[in-house]
Protein backbone atom coordinates (compact mmCIF):
# COMPACT_ATOMS: atom_id res chain seq x y z
CA VAL A 1 3.30 -11.27 17.14
CA GLN A 2 3.64 -7.62 16.22
CA PHE A 3 2.32 -5.30 13.54
CA VAL A 4 3.89 -1.87 13.09
CA GLU A 5 1.97 0.43 10.77
CA SER A 6 3.49 3.59 9.32
CA GLY A 7 3.12 6.11 6.52
CA GLY A 8 0.01 7.96 7.62
CA GLY A 9 -0.32 11.72 7.78
CA LEU A 10 -2.28 14.76 6.72
CA VAL A 11 -3.04 15.02 3.01
CA GLN A 12 -5.31 17.19 0.89
CA PRO A 13 -8.28 15.69 -0.96
CA GLY A 14 -7.09 14.08 -4.17
CA GLY A 15 -3.68 13.33 -2.70
CA SER A 16 -1.87 10.05 -2.14
CA LEU A 17 -0.25 8.14 0.69
CA ARG A 18 1.50 4.80 0.93
CA LEU A 19 1.06 2.88 4.16
CA SER A 20 3.41 0.13 5.31
CA CYS A 21 2.92 -2.60 7.88
CA ALA A 22 5.89 -4.56 9.16
CA ALA A 23 4.91 -7.90 10.67
CA SER A 24 6.88 -10.18 12.96
CA GLY A 25 6.42 -13.22 15.17
CA PHE A 26 4.79 -15.55 12.64
CA THR A 27 5.43 -16.97 9.16
CA PHE A 28 4.22 -13.96 7.21
CA SER A 29 4.34 -15.57 3.77
CA ARG A 30 1.79 -18.23 4.75
CA TYR A 31 -1.01 -15.86 5.72
CA THR A 32 -3.54 -13.69 4.01
CA MET A 33 -3.04 -10.09 5.11
CA SER A 34 -5.57 -7.31 5.40
CA TRP A 35 -5.83 -3.58 5.95
CA TYR A 36 -8.62 -2.23 8.13
CA ARG A 37 -9.63 1.26 9.17
CA GLN A 38 -11.60 2.82 11.98
CA ALA A 39 -13.04 6.31 11.83
CA PRO A 40 -14.11 8.16 15.00
CA GLY A 41 -17.38 6.77 16.32
CA LYS A 42 -17.49 3.98 13.76
CA GLU A 43 -16.80 0.26 13.69
CA ARG A 44 -13.51 -1.03 12.33
CA GLU A 45 -14.00 -2.02 8.69
CA LEU A 46 -12.10 -4.14 6.20
CA VAL A 47 -10.46 -2.08 3.46
CA ALA A 48 -8.41 -4.56 1.42
CA ARG A 49 -7.09 -8.10 1.54
CA ILE A 50 -4.31 -10.01 -0.21
CA THR A 51 -3.89 -13.77 -0.15
CA SER A 52 -0.74 -15.62 0.73
CA GLY A 53 -0.30 -17.77 -2.35
CA SER A 54 -1.46 -16.20 -5.58
CA GLY A 55 -1.60 -12.72 -4.11
CA SER A 56 -5.22 -12.33 -5.10
CA THR A 57 -6.74 -9.11 -3.83
CA ASN A 58 -10.14 -7.78 -2.91
CA TYR A 59 -11.33 -4.38 -1.80
CA ALA A 60 -14.17 -2.64 -0.07
CA ASP A 61 -16.46 -1.00 -2.61
CA SER A 62 -15.63 2.41 -1.15
CA VAL A 63 -11.95 2.15 -2.13
CA LYS A 64 -12.03 0.10 -5.35
CA GLY A 65 -10.06 1.74 -8.11
CA ARG A 66 -8.30 4.08 -5.68
CA PHE A 67 -6.41 1.81 -3.25
CA THR A 68 -3.95 -0.98 -4.04
CA ILE A 69 -2.75 -3.59 -1.56
CA SER A 70 0.54 -5.40 -2.10
CA ARG A 71 3.02 -7.45 -0.10
CA ASP A 72 6.73 -8.21 0.03
CA ASN A 73 7.22 -11.59 1.69
CA ALA A 74 11.00 -11.12 1.82
CA LYS A 75 10.45 -8.06 4.01
CA ASN A 76 7.44 -9.37 5.95
CA THR A 77 5.65 -6.20 4.92
CA VAL A 78 2.25 -5.37 3.47
CA TYR A 79 1.54 -2.05 1.77
CA LEU A 80 -1.50 0.05 0.96
CA GLN A 81 -1.16 2.59 -1.83
CA MET A 82 -3.95 5.13 -1.48
CA ASN A 83 -4.70 7.49 -4.34
CA SER A 84 -7.45 10.06 -4.95
CA LEU A 85 -7.99 10.35 -1.23
CA LYS A 86 -11.29 11.70 0.07
CA PRO A 87 -12.22 13.23 3.44
CA GLU A 88 -14.24 10.10 4.20
CA ASP A 89 -11.00 8.07 4.08
CA THR A 90 -9.95 9.77 7.31
CA ALA A 91 -9.37 7.05 9.90
CA VAL A 92 -6.78 5.08 11.81
CA TYR A 93 -5.50 2.31 9.53
CA TYR A 94 -4.44 -1.09 10.84
CA CYS A 95 -3.12 -4.27 9.31
CA ASN A 96 -3.63 -7.82 10.50
CA SER A 97 -3.38 -11.39 9.36
CA LEU A 98 -6.24 -13.80 8.71
CA PRO A 99 -7.11 -15.11 11.26
CA ALA A 100 -6.55 -11.89 13.16
CA ARG A 101 -3.91 -11.62 15.87
CA SER A 102 -3.17 -8.82 18.31
CA TRP A 103 -3.63 -5.34 16.85
CA GLY A 104 -0.88 -2.77 16.36
CA GLN A 105 -1.14 0.92 17.15
CA GLY A 106 -2.31 1.83 13.67
CA THR A 107 -1.40 4.88 11.62
CA GLN A 108 -3.58 7.98 11.38
CA VAL A 109 -4.68 9.17 7.95
CA THR A 110 -6.35 12.57 7.77
CA VAL A 111 -7.70 13.90 4.49
CA SER A 112 -8.53 17.58 4.76
CA SER A 113 -7.98 20.86 3.00
C-alpha cells in the first residue's frame, strides 16, 4: 500500500493550491478516502473525507466553504482543492483510506506573505 501526496508549496494568504494523492496497493474505489494535516507541534487532524459509493463529503469546520475534496477512481487519486488559504492552514498534508493504512510522506503547504 502506498500513498504519494503532491501539489504543496508556498502560497500567499488568499491563494489556492490543489493537492493530489495517488494511491496504490488496494482497491481504491471501494474505500472512503480522507485528507489530514499536521502542523508543527500539533496533533494530526482530519480535514476532509469522501465516501467510496455516493462520494458524499464532509469537512472540518475550519475549512468548510474553502476546501473541496474529490476523487477519480479511474486514476486511483484523491484531490484537495484549497482556496482562500490562511496562515493557519500551514501544515504537512496527508491522505489515507478508512480504515487507515501506512502513511505517505505528505506534502508541505505553507501560507505566508
